[in-house]
Amino acid sequence: MLTPDFTKAFARDREKCVKKHWDIQALDSALEAVCASDETKLVPSYRDHALVGDLAGCRALHIGGQTSNWVLIGHHTLKREGPDLSGWHSAYGS
């Protein structure tokens, strides 16, 4: 299981979404799936894919459906202790 290492910007964005009463459970479920992705495969509904251009090396997940529309962009980095998920950011959805 991977261990997330969130940036301060991610924490601020998440808190803004909580205050706006957005569907945080969908985001948390996706983050749990990403953390477990070294043991199990991500479900196809997240549409996990690599990005190109300025964001080359990053991956994107589409979270939600009818009630929320999130795009989670991030990258994996390896540390001595093992892999983590530093740099996962949320892009505001509607």
Protein backbone atom coordinates (compact mmCIF):
# COMPACT_ATOMS: atom_id res chain seq x y z
CA MET A 1 0.00 0.00 0.00
CA LEU A 2 1.29 3.44 -0.93
CA THR A 3 1.46 6.27 1.60
CA PRO A 4 0.20 9.68 0.44
CA ASP A 5 2.28 12.79 1.05
CA PHE A 6 -0.02 15.69 0.19
CA THR A 7 1.13 19.20 -0.57
CA LYS A 8 -0.12 22.20 1.40
CA ALA A 9 -1.95 23.39 -1.72
CA PHE A 10 -3.84 20.10 -1.87
CA ALA A 11 -4.87 20.42 1.79
CA ARG A 12 -6.09 23.98 1.20
CA ASP A 13 -8.04 22.97 -1.93
CA ARG A 14 -9.63 20.04 -0.11
CA GLU A 15 -10.67 22.27 2.81
CA LYS A 16 -12.27 24.77 0.39
CA CYS A 17 -14.27 21.93 -1.14
CA VAL A 18 -15.40 20.75 2.30
CA LYS A 19 -16.63 24.26 3.11
CA LYS A 20 -18.57 24.32 -0.18
CA HIS A 21 -20.22 20.99 0.78
CA TRP A 22 -18.82 19.19 -2.25
CA ASP A 23 -18.80 15.39 -2.35
CA ILE A 24 -15.57 14.70 -0.46
CA GLN A 25 -16.41 11.00 -0.09
CA ALA A 26 -15.86 10.53 -3.83
CA LEU A 27 -12.44 12.17 -3.56
CA ASP A 28 -11.48 10.14 -0.48
CA SER A 29 -12.57 6.90 -2.16
CA ALA A 30 -10.41 7.67 -5.18
CA LEU A 31 -7.43 8.49 -2.98
CA GLU A 32 -7.84 5.20 -1.13
CA ALA A 33 -7.95 3.39 -4.49
CA VAL A 34 -4.77 5.16 -5.63
CA CYS A 35 -3.00 4.24 -2.39
CA ALA A 36 -4.00 0.61 -2.88
CA SER A 37 -3.13 0.66 -6.60
CA ASP A 38 0.19 -1.11 -6.05
CA GLU A 39 -1.81 -4.12 -4.80
CA THR A 40 -4.96 -3.87 -6.91
CA LYS A 41 -5.83 -2.31 -10.25
CA LEU A 42 -7.77 0.97 -10.36
CA VAL A 43 -11.36 0.63 -11.48
CA PRO A 44 -11.95 1.77 -15.09
CA SER A 45 -14.50 4.39 -14.02
CA TYR A 46 -11.62 6.61 -12.82
CA ARG A 47 -10.27 6.76 -16.40
CA ASP A 48 -6.66 6.84 -15.19
CA HIS A 49 -4.34 8.14 -17.91
CA ALA A 50 -0.94 9.74 -18.45
CA LEU A 51 -0.73 13.44 -19.28
CA VAL A 52 1.43 15.06 -21.96
CA GLY A 53 2.95 18.47 -22.59
CA ASP A 54 3.81 20.57 -19.54
CA LEU A 55 2.33 17.87 -17.29
CA ALA A 56 4.28 14.98 -18.81
CA GLY A 57 5.10 12.45 -16.13
CA CYS A 58 1.86 13.12 -14.27
CA ARG A 59 -1.33 11.07 -14.27
CA ALA A 60 -4.97 12.14 -14.09
CA LEU A 61 -8.05 10.49 -12.60
CA HIS A 62 -11.62 11.53 -13.27
CA ILE A 63 -13.67 11.19 -10.11
CA GLY A 64 -17.40 11.36 -9.62
CA GLY A 65 -20.19 11.11 -12.08
CA GLN A 66 -23.66 12.57 -11.69
CA THR A 67 -23.05 14.34 -8.37
CA SER A 68 -19.46 15.53 -8.77
CA ASN A 69 -16.87 16.06 -11.46
CA TRP A 70 -13.31 16.02 -10.13
CA VAL A 71 -9.99 15.74 -11.90
CA LEU A 72 -7.16 14.57 -9.68
CA ILE A 73 -3.69 15.23 -11.12
CA GLY A 74 -0.55 13.88 -9.53
CA HIS A 75 2.65 11.93 -9.81
CA HIS A 76 4.43 9.13 -8.02
CA THR A 77 7.83 9.73 -6.51
CA LEU A 78 10.07 7.16 -4.98
CA LYS A 79 11.72 7.71 -1.65
CA ARG A 80 14.16 5.53 0.14
CA GLU A 81 11.45 4.09 2.42
CA GLY A 82 9.21 3.25 -0.52
CA PRO A 83 6.76 4.87 -2.92
CA ASP A 84 4.47 7.72 -1.96
CA LEU A 85 2.06 10.05 -3.69
CA SER A 86 3.52 13.50 -3.33
CA GLY A 87 2.11 16.21 -5.46
CA TRP A 88 -1.50 15.07 -5.91
CA HIS A 89 -3.56 18.14 -6.60
CA SER A 90 -7.24 18.58 -7.17
CA ALA A 91 -8.59 20.60 -10.05
CA TYR A 92 -11.90 22.12 -9.14
CA GLY A 93 -14.89 20.51 -10.80
CA SER A 94 -18.53 21.41 -10.80
